[in-house]
Amino acid sequence: MKIDITFGGTVCRDASRALLRLHEKASAAAREVRRDIKAVRERDPAAKSDLEVMLLYPGVHAIWAHRLSHALYEKKHYMTARAVSQAARFFTGIEIHPGAKLGHGLFIDHGGAVVIGETAEIGDDCTLYQCVTLGGTGKDRGKRHPTLGRGVMVGAGATILGGFEIGDNAKIAAGAVVLSPVPANSTAVGIPARIVKTNGARVTSKLDHVHIPDPVSNKLTELERQIAELRDAVMTDNKKQDETDQHV
């Protein structure tokens, strides 16, 4: 009986390569999971254990689901990809379009009502709080959602609309509405958002999105001071006029 050794050797080599690729993918997935958990433990003081993060953090679950939906999207299985993303939205309250590109070490804290659009891109080690929207400004096609650089922090309730860039290590204050690019190492505050710091003094806490200067409040305070000074000046002039009238 003749045995085709060449065919058998080819099958073995193909099987070995397939197993090697499977092992590499499993190792890469395990590294991503560890990095996801590490990001939460480093940035959320409420996280007590790795197991708690794995089982009970919706932001982590939404990111893991997105990796599956994004892989399906890249292979043009659009319907299935969207089904996965909608299921993740149902369970986590976080909507991430399958086409969005997420970097490593993303932390979505709390996560409720977070929306990330199709052409949005998020760099490594970013942090998003609840009710953040990375959206577009209309029905235009192409790049219509924002790109976040590395280490960007977006505070609770902030909205970023448009296909522009938010520079590395920028901070978007809670409730801000950003309609134009934000330079790296800058802080944006208000509606519409204004740049209040660029390469300036560091904010009290690296992730502090509360104690940030408010240009609107500062301007109102300045106007109140000027009004008080004018009122005092008018009262002084009236008093002098009264004294003059009495002498006359």
C-alpha atoms as a PDB file:
ATOM      1  CA  MET A   1       0.000   0.000   0.000  1.00  0.00           C
ATOM      2  CA  LYS A   2       1.444   3.333  -1.089  1.00  0.00           C
ATOM      3  CA  ILE A   3       1.143   6.332   1.268  1.00  0.00           C
ATOM      4  CA  ASP A   4       1.410   9.878  -0.040  1.00  0.00           C
ATOM      5  CA  ILE A   5       3.930  11.280   2.456  1.00  0.00           C
ATOM      6  CA  THR A   6       4.001  14.685   0.721  1.00  0.00           C
ATOM      7  CA  PHE A   7       0.246  15.138   1.162  1.00  0.00           C
ATOM      8  CA  GLY A   8       0.426  14.087   4.812  1.00  0.00           C
ATOM      9  CA  GLY A   9       3.285  16.468   5.499  1.00  0.00           C
ATOM     10  CA  THR A  10       1.400  19.350   3.882  1.00  0.00           C
ATOM     11  CA  VAL A  11      -1.658  18.675   6.016  1.00  0.00           C
ATOM     12  CA  CYS A  12       0.465  18.634   9.168  1.00  0.00           C
ATOM     13  CA  ARG A  13       2.175  21.893   8.246  1.00  0.00           C
ATOM     14  CA  ASP A  14      -1.153  23.588   7.482  1.00  0.00           C
ATOM     15  CA  ALA A  15      -2.622  22.346  10.747  1.00  0.00           C
ATOM     16  CA  SER A  16       0.414  23.581  12.682  1.00  0.00           C
ATOM     17  CA  ARG A  17       0.198  27.007  11.085  1.00  0.00           C
ATOM     18  CA  ALA A  18      -3.518  27.228  11.822  1.00  0.00           C
ATOM     19  CA  LEU A  19      -2.909  26.296  15.458  1.00  0.00           C
ATOM     20  CA  LEU A  20      -0.109  28.853  15.680  1.00  0.00           C
ATOM     21  CA  ARG A  21      -2.327  31.601  14.266  1.00  0.00           C
ATOM     22  CA  LEU A  22      -5.102  30.619  16.676  1.00  0.00           C
ATOM     23  CA  HIS A  23      -2.659  30.741  19.591  1.00  0.00           C
ATOM     24  CA  GLU A  24      -1.388  34.168  18.511  1.00  0.00           C
ATOM     25  CA  LYS A  25      -4.930  35.535  18.257  1.00  0.00           C
ATOM     26  CA  ALA A  26      -5.859  34.103  21.651  1.00  0.00           C
ATOM     27  CA  SER A  27      -2.724  35.623  23.208  1.00  0.00           C
ATOM     28  CA  ALA A  28      -3.444  39.013  21.648  1.00  0.00           C
ATOM     29  CA  ALA A  29      -7.044  38.888  22.910  1.00  0.00           C
ATOM     30  CA  ALA A  30      -5.847  37.999  26.402  1.00  0.00           C
ATOM     31  CA  ARG A  31      -3.417  40.944  26.369  1.00  0.00           C
ATOM     32  CA  GLU A  32      -6.239  43.294  25.334  1.00  0.00           C
ATOM     33  CA  VAL A  33      -8.455  42.030  28.144  1.00  0.00           C
ATOM     34  CA  ARG A  34      -5.685  42.547  30.695  1.00  0.00           C
ATOM     35  CA  ARG A  35      -5.064  46.066  29.382  1.00  0.00           C
ATOM     36  CA  ASP A  36      -8.783  46.882  29.552  1.00  0.00           C
ATOM     37  CA  ILE A  37      -8.937  45.768  33.166  1.00  0.00           C
ATOM     38  CA  LYS A  38      -5.722  47.627  34.028  1.00  0.00           C
ATOM     39  CA  ALA A  39      -7.132  50.853  32.533  1.00  0.00           C
ATOM     40  CA  VAL A  40     -10.171  50.637  34.803  1.00  0.00           C
ATOM     41  CA  ARG A  41      -8.177  49.770  37.925  1.00  0.00           C
ATOM     42  CA  GLU A  42      -5.795  52.700  37.328  1.00  0.00           C
ATOM     43  CA  ARG A  43      -8.480  55.315  36.642  1.00  0.00           C
ATOM     44  CA  ASP A  44     -11.432  54.273  38.791  1.00  0.00           C
ATOM     45  CA  PRO A  45     -10.841  54.275  42.561  1.00  0.00           C
ATOM     46  CA  ALA A  46     -14.173  52.459  43.008  1.00  0.00           C
ATOM     47  CA  ALA A  47     -12.870  49.327  41.252  1.00  0.00           C
ATOM     48  CA  LYS A  48     -12.008  46.821  43.967  1.00  0.00           C
ATOM     49  CA  SER A  49     -10.868  43.785  41.961  1.00  0.00           C
ATOM     50  CA  ASP A  50     -10.175  42.490  38.460  1.00  0.00           C
ATOM     51  CA  LEU A  51     -13.116  40.109  38.759  1.00  0.00           C
ATOM     52  CA  GLU A  52     -15.466  42.986  39.582  1.00  0.00           C
ATOM     53  CA  VAL A  53     -14.295  44.864  36.497  1.00  0.00           C
ATOM     54  CA  MET A  54     -14.694  41.821  34.248  1.00  0.00           C
ATOM     55  CA  LEU A  55     -18.201  40.946  35.425  1.00  0.00           C
ATOM     56  CA  LEU A  56     -19.834  44.222  36.427  1.00  0.00           C
ATOM     57  CA  TYR A  57     -18.466  47.111  34.347  1.00  0.00           C
ATOM     58  CA  PRO A  58     -20.710  47.932  31.362  1.00  0.00           C
ATOM     59  CA  GLY A  59     -18.036  50.078  29.716  1.00  0.00           C
ATOM     60  CA  VAL A  60     -15.726  47.079  29.524  1.00  0.00           C
ATOM     61  CA  HIS A  61     -18.497  44.853  28.189  1.00  0.00           C
ATOM     62  CA  ALA A  62     -19.372  47.420  25.507  1.00  0.00           C
ATOM     63  CA  ILE A  63     -15.737  47.581  24.362  1.00  0.00           C
ATOM     64  CA  TRP A  64     -15.464  43.792  24.169  1.00  0.00           C
ATOM     65  CA  ALA A  65     -18.696  43.563  22.174  1.00  0.00           C
ATOM     66  CA  HIS A  66     -17.433  46.302  19.865  1.00  0.00           C
ATOM     67  CA  ARG A  67     -14.325  44.323  19.010  1.00  0.00           C
ATOM     68  CA  LEU A  68     -16.541  41.535  17.703  1.00  0.00           C
ATOM     69  CA  SER A  69     -18.902  43.874  15.850  1.00  0.00           C
ATOM     70  CA  HIS A  70     -15.986  45.828  14.355  1.00  0.00           C
ATOM     71  CA  ALA A  71     -14.357  42.620  13.083  1.00  0.00           C
ATOM     72  CA  LEU A  72     -17.651  41.672  11.407  1.00  0.00           C
ATOM     73  CA  TYR A  73     -17.974  45.202   9.997  1.00  0.00           C
ATOM     74  CA  GLU A  74     -14.470  45.026   8.510  1.00  0.00           C
ATOM     75  CA  LYS A  75     -15.497  41.816   6.722  1.00  0.00           C
ATOM     76  CA  LYS A  76     -18.600  43.619   5.370  1.00  0.00           C
ATOM     77  CA  HIS A  77     -21.050  41.616   7.481  1.00  0.00           C
ATOM     78  CA  TYR A  78     -22.856  44.871   8.227  1.00  0.00           C
ATOM     79  CA  MET A  79     -26.172  43.446   9.381  1.00  0.00           C
ATOM     80  CA  THR A  80     -24.609  40.997  11.820  1.00  0.00           C
ATOM     81  CA  ALA A  81     -22.186  43.648  13.074  1.00  0.00           C
ATOM     82  CA  ARG A  82     -25.050  46.045  13.763  1.00  0.00           C
ATOM     83  CA  ALA A  83     -27.024  43.293  15.502  1.00  0.00           C
ATOM     84  CA  VAL A  84     -24.100  42.717  17.881  1.00  0.00           C
ATOM     85  CA  SER A  85     -23.744  46.447  18.592  1.00  0.00           C
ATOM     86  CA  GLN A  86     -27.467  46.818  19.261  1.00  0.00           C
ATOM     87  CA  ALA A  87     -27.444  43.858  21.626  1.00  0.00           C
ATOM     88  CA  ALA A  88     -24.527  45.481  23.478  1.00  0.00           C
ATOM     89  CA  ARG A  89     -26.475  48.739  23.611  1.00  0.00           C
ATOM     90  CA  PHE A  90     -29.472  46.936  25.132  1.00  0.00           C
ATOM     91  CA  PHE A  91     -27.386  45.369  27.902  1.00  0.00           C
ATOM     92  CA  THR A  92     -24.949  48.240  28.603  1.00  0.00           C
ATOM     93  CA  GLY A  93     -26.726  51.467  27.576  1.00  0.00           C
ATOM     94  CA  ILE A  94     -23.678  52.328  25.442  1.00  0.00           C
ATOM     95  CA  GLU A  95     -24.024  52.676  21.668  1.00  0.00           C
ATOM     96  CA  ILE A  96     -20.855  52.211  19.628  1.00  0.00           C
ATOM     97  CA  HIS A  97     -21.247  51.953  15.874  1.00  0.00           C
ATOM     98  CA  PRO A  98     -19.417  48.894  14.488  1.00  0.00           C
ATOM     99  CA  GLY A  99     -17.416  51.145  12.154  1.00  0.00           C
ATOM    100  CA  ALA A 100     -15.852  53.206  14.958  1.00  0.00           C
ATOM    101  CA  LYS A 101     -12.171  52.632  15.702  1.00  0.00           C
ATOM    102  CA  LEU A 102     -11.211  52.332  19.358  1.00  0.00           C
ATOM    103  CA  GLY A 103      -7.660  52.456  20.662  1.00  0.00           C
ATOM    104  CA  HIS A 104      -6.112  50.416  23.460  1.00  0.00           C
ATOM    105  CA  GLY A 105      -6.793  51.212  27.101  1.00  0.00           C
ATOM    106  CA  LEU A 106     -10.095  53.030  26.542  1.00  0.00           C
ATOM    107  CA  PHE A 107     -12.079  53.533  29.771  1.00  0.00           C
ATOM    108  CA  ILE A 108     -15.807  54.306  29.559  1.00  0.00           C
ATOM    109  CA  ASP A 109     -16.771  55.207  33.122  1.00  0.00           C
ATOM    110  CA  HIS A 110     -20.413  54.513  34.123  1.00  0.00           C
ATOM    111  CA  GLY A 111     -21.246  54.517  30.422  1.00  0.00           C
ATOM    112  CA  GLY A 112     -24.958  55.333  30.368  1.00  0.00           C
ATOM    113  CA  ALA A 113     -26.059  57.101  27.157  1.00  0.00           C
ATOM    114  CA  VAL A 114     -22.592  57.195  25.592  1.00  0.00           C
ATOM    115  CA  VAL A 115     -22.862  57.392  21.777  1.00  0.00           C
ATOM    116  CA  ILE A 116     -19.903  56.881  19.424  1.00  0.00           C
ATOM    117  CA  GLY A 117     -20.530  57.389  15.702  1.00  0.00           C
ATOM    118  CA  GLU A 118     -19.479  55.350  12.686  1.00  0.00           C
ATOM    119  CA  THR A 119     -16.375  57.295  11.618  1.00  0.00           C
ATOM    120  CA  ALA A 120     -15.222  58.231  15.124  1.00  0.00           C
ATOM    121  CA  GLU A 121     -11.662  57.300  16.058  1.00  0.00           C
ATOM    122  CA  ILE A 122     -10.396  57.121  19.633  1.00  0.00           C
ATOM    123  CA  GLY A 123      -6.695  56.959  20.492  1.00  0.00           C
ATOM    124  CA  ASP A 124      -5.021  54.924  23.205  1.00  0.00           C
ATOM    125  CA  ASP A 125      -5.646  55.527  26.918  1.00  0.00           C
ATOM    126  CA  CYS A 126      -8.663  57.817  26.519  1.00  0.00           C
ATOM    127  CA  THR A 127     -11.403  58.252  29.126  1.00  0.00           C
ATOM    128  CA  LEU A 128     -15.079  58.938  28.427  1.00  0.00           C
ATOM    129  CA  TYR A 129     -17.651  59.613  31.134  1.00  0.00           C
ATOM    130  CA  GLN A 130     -21.410  59.063  30.984  1.00  0.00           C
ATOM    131  CA  CYS A 131     -23.622  60.779  28.382  1.00  0.00           C
ATOM    132  CA  VAL A 132     -20.702  61.627  26.080  1.00  0.00           C
ATOM    133  CA  THR A 133     -21.558  61.950  22.383  1.00  0.00           C
ATOM    134  CA  LEU A 134     -19.027  61.676  19.577  1.00  0.00           C
ATOM    135  CA  GLY A 135     -21.353  62.603  16.741  1.00  0.00           C
ATOM    136  CA  GLY A 136     -21.722  64.202  13.332  1.00  0.00           C
ATOM    137  CA  THR A 137     -23.300  67.473  12.263  1.00  0.00           C
ATOM    138  CA  GLY A 138     -25.587  66.292   9.452  1.00  0.00           C
ATOM    139  CA  LYS A 139     -26.134  63.737   6.708  1.00  0.00           C
ATOM    140  CA  ASP A 140     -22.755  64.203   5.026  1.00  0.00           C
ATOM    141  CA  ARG A 141     -20.903  61.050   4.067  1.00  0.00           C
ATOM    142  CA  GLY A 142     -17.260  60.293   4.685  1.00  0.00           C
ATOM    143  CA  LYS A 143     -15.393  61.386   7.792  1.00  0.00           C
ATOM    144  CA  ARG A 144     -18.086  63.126   9.863  1.00  0.00           C
ATOM    145  CA  HIS A 145     -17.294  62.112  13.452  1.00  0.00           C
ATOM    146  CA  PRO A 146     -14.409  63.314  15.656  1.00  0.00           C
ATOM    147  CA  THR A 147     -10.963  61.826  16.081  1.00  0.00           C
ATOM    148  CA  LEU A 148      -9.569  61.754  19.625  1.00  0.00           C
ATOM    149  CA  GLY A 149      -5.812  61.618  20.150  1.00  0.00           C
ATOM    150  CA  ARG A 150      -4.012  59.739  22.909  1.00  0.00           C
ATOM    151  CA  GLY A 151      -4.921  60.322  26.544  1.00  0.00           C
ATOM    152  CA  VAL A 152      -7.972  62.510  25.862  1.00  0.00           C
ATOM    153  CA  MET A 153     -10.482  62.968  28.712  1.00  0.00           C
ATOM    154  CA  VAL A 154     -14.112  63.827  27.858  1.00  0.00           C
ATOM    155  CA  GLY A 155     -16.246  64.848  30.848  1.00  0.00           C
ATOM    156  CA  ALA A 156     -19.809  63.793  31.630  1.00  0.00           C
ATOM    157  CA  GLY A 157     -22.443  65.090  29.229  1.00  0.00           C
ATOM    158  CA  ALA A 158     -19.934  66.577  26.782  1.00  0.00           C
ATOM    159  CA  THR A 159     -20.787  66.581  23.066  1.00  0.00           C
ATOM    160  CA  ILE A 160     -18.238  66.653  20.241  1.00  0.00           C
ATOM    161  CA  LEU A 161     -19.754  67.135  16.778  1.00  0.00           C
ATOM    162  CA  GLY A 162     -17.845  67.006  13.507  1.00  0.00           C
ATOM    163  CA  GLY A 163     -15.009  65.295  11.700  1.00  0.00           C
ATOM    164  CA  PHE A 164     -12.153  67.238  13.326  1.00  0.00           C
ATOM    165  CA  GLU A 165      -9.386  66.269  15.745  1.00  0.00           C
ATOM    166  CA  ILE A 166      -9.045  66.561  19.506  1.00  0.00           C
ATOM    167  CA  GLY A 167      -5.325  66.662  20.251  1.00  0.00           C
ATOM    168  CA  ASP A 168      -3.368  64.351  22.534  1.00  0.00           C
ATOM    169  CA  ASN A 169      -3.973  64.777  26.285  1.00  0.00           C
ATOM    170  CA  ALA A 170      -6.738  67.337  25.731  1.00  0.00           C
ATOM    171  CA  LYS A 171      -9.505  67.709  28.324  1.00  0.00           C
ATOM    172  CA  ILE A 172     -13.132  68.419  27.450  1.00  0.00           C
ATOM    173  CA  ALA A 173     -15.069  69.722  30.456  1.00  0.00           C
ATOM    174  CA  ALA A 174     -18.375  68.234  31.595  1.00  0.00           C
ATOM    175  CA  GLY A 175     -21.303  69.573  29.567  1.00  0.00           C
ATOM    176  CA  ALA A 176     -19.134  71.229  26.899  1.00  0.00           C
ATOM    177  CA  VAL A 177     -20.252  71.312  23.258  1.00  0.00           C
ATOM    178  CA  VAL A 178     -17.198  71.137  20.990  1.00  0.00           C
ATOM    179  CA  LEU A 179     -17.703  72.247  17.373  1.00  0.00           C
ATOM    180  CA  SER A 180     -14.104  72.856  16.280  1.00  0.00           C
ATOM    181  CA  PRO A 181     -10.656  71.271  16.751  1.00  0.00           C
ATOM    182  CA  VAL A 182      -8.967  71.321  20.154  1.00  0.00           C
ATOM    183  CA  PRO A 183      -5.140  71.484  20.235  1.00  0.00           C
ATOM    184  CA  ALA A 184      -3.050  68.962  22.132  1.00  0.00           C
ATOM    185  CA  ASN A 185      -2.600  69.540  25.886  1.00  0.00           C
ATOM    186  CA  SER A 186      -5.532  71.963  25.955  1.00  0.00           C
ATOM    187  CA  THR A 187      -8.688  72.324  28.016  1.00  0.00           C
ATOM    188  CA  ALA A 188     -12.040  73.182  26.386  1.00  0.00           C
ATOM    189  CA  VAL A 189     -15.015  74.510  28.374  1.00  0.00           C
ATOM    190  CA  GLY A 190     -18.491  75.865  27.677  1.00  0.00           C
ATOM    191  CA  ILE A 191     -21.201  76.029  24.993  1.00  0.00           C
ATOM    192  CA  PRO A 192     -19.837  76.386  22.413  1.00  0.00           C
ATOM    193  CA  ALA A 193     -16.557  75.191  23.856  1.00  0.00           C
ATOM    194  CA  ARG A 194     -13.664  77.636  24.279  1.00  0.00           C
ATOM    195  CA  ILE A 195     -10.018  76.809  24.845  1.00  0.00           C
ATOM    196  CA  VAL A 196      -9.063  77.974  28.349  1.00  0.00           C
ATOM    197  CA  LYS A 197      -5.690  76.290  28.691  1.00  0.00           C
ATOM    198  CA  THR A 198      -2.973  75.220  26.275  1.00  0.00           C
ATOM    199  CA  ASN A 199       0.281  73.889  27.667  1.00  0.00           C
ATOM    200  CA  GLY A 200      -0.525  75.893  30.798  1.00  0.00           C
ATOM    201  CA  ALA A 201      -0.711  74.995  34.477  1.00  0.00           C
ATOM    202  CA  ARG A 202      -1.838  71.447  35.066  1.00  0.00           C
ATOM    203  CA  VAL A 203      -5.387  70.863  36.304  1.00  0.00           C
ATOM    204  CA  THR A 204      -5.608  69.841  39.991  1.00  0.00           C
ATOM    205  CA  SER A 205      -6.208  66.202  39.124  1.00  0.00           C
ATOM    206  CA  LYS A 206      -5.312  64.370  35.928  1.00  0.00           C
ATOM    207  CA  LEU A 207      -8.908  63.248  35.496  1.00  0.00           C
ATOM    208  CA  ASP A 208     -10.579  66.240  37.157  1.00  0.00           C
ATOM    209  CA  HIS A 209     -13.398  67.393  34.900  1.00  0.00           C
ATOM    210  CA  VAL A 210     -15.117  69.571  37.498  1.00  0.00           C
ATOM    211  CA  HIS A 211     -12.559  72.109  38.751  1.00  0.00           C
ATOM    212  CA  ILE A 212     -11.897  73.703  35.381  1.00  0.00           C
ATOM    213  CA  PRO A 213     -12.092  77.467  34.753  1.00  0.00           C
ATOM    214  CA  ASP A 214     -15.441  78.604  33.309  1.00  0.00           C
ATOM    215  CA  PRO A 215     -14.940  81.587  30.945  1.00  0.00           C
ATOM    216  CA  VAL A 216     -18.664  82.483  31.028  1.00  0.00           C
ATOM    217  CA  SER A 217     -18.716  82.607  34.818  1.00  0.00           C
ATOM    218  CA  ASN A 218     -15.482  84.605  34.867  1.00  0.00           C
ATOM    219  CA  LYS A 219     -16.915  87.151  32.414  1.00  0.00           C
ATOM    220  CA  LEU A 220     -20.124  87.542  34.431  1.00  0.00           C
ATOM    221  CA  THR A 221     -18.085  88.120  37.566  1.00  0.00           C
ATOM    222  CA  GLU A 222     -16.068  90.800  35.780  1.00  0.00           C
ATOM    223  CA  LEU A 223     -19.284  92.500  34.546  1.00  0.00           C
ATOM    224  CA  GLU A 224     -20.734  92.474  38.077  1.00  0.00           C
ATOM    225  CA  ARG A 225     -17.561  94.146  39.361  1.00  0.00           C
ATOM    226  CA  GLN A 226     -17.748  96.849  36.707  1.00  0.00           C
ATOM    227  CA  ILE A 227     -21.454  97.478  37.407  1.00  0.00           C
ATOM    228  CA  ALA A 228     -20.719  97.840  41.123  1.00  0.00           C
ATOM    229  CA  GLU A 229     -17.953 100.344  40.377  1.00  0.00           C
ATOM    230  CA  LEU A 230     -20.249 102.374  38.100  1.00  0.00           C
ATOM    231  CA  ARG A 231     -23.008 102.342  40.728  1.00  0.00           C
ATOM    232  CA  ASP A 232     -20.599 103.615  43.374  1.00  0.00           C
ATOM    233  CA  ALA A 233     -19.353 106.325  41.013  1.00  0.00           C
ATOM    234  CA  VAL A 234     -22.908 107.467  40.228  1.00  0.00           C
ATOM    235  CA  MET A 235     -23.847 107.521  43.928  1.00  0.00           C
ATOM    236  CA  THR A 236     -20.739 109.587  44.683  1.00  0.00           C
ATOM    237  CA  ASP A 237     -21.549 112.073  41.903  1.00  0.00           C
ATOM    238  CA  ASN A 238     -25.156 112.388  43.108  1.00  0.00           C
ATOM    239  CA  LYS A 239     -23.993 113.006  46.652  1.00  0.00           C
ATOM    240  CA  LYS A 240     -21.628 115.746  45.492  1.00  0.00           C
ATOM    241  CA  GLN A 241     -24.375 117.301  43.409  1.00  0.00           C
ATOM    242  CA  ASP A 242     -26.744 117.304  46.408  1.00  0.00           C
ATOM    243  CA  GLU A 243     -24.109 119.026  48.573  1.00  0.00           C
ATOM    244  CA  THR A 244     -23.573 121.630  45.867  1.00  0.00           C
ATOM    245  CA  ASP A 245     -27.299 122.301  45.580  1.00  0.00           C
ATOM    246  CA  GLN A 246     -27.574 122.766  49.352  1.00  0.00           C
ATOM    247  CA  HIS A 247     -24.800 125.363  49.384  1.00  0.00           C
ATOM    248  CA  VAL A 248     -26.435 127.236  46.563  1.00  0.00           C
END
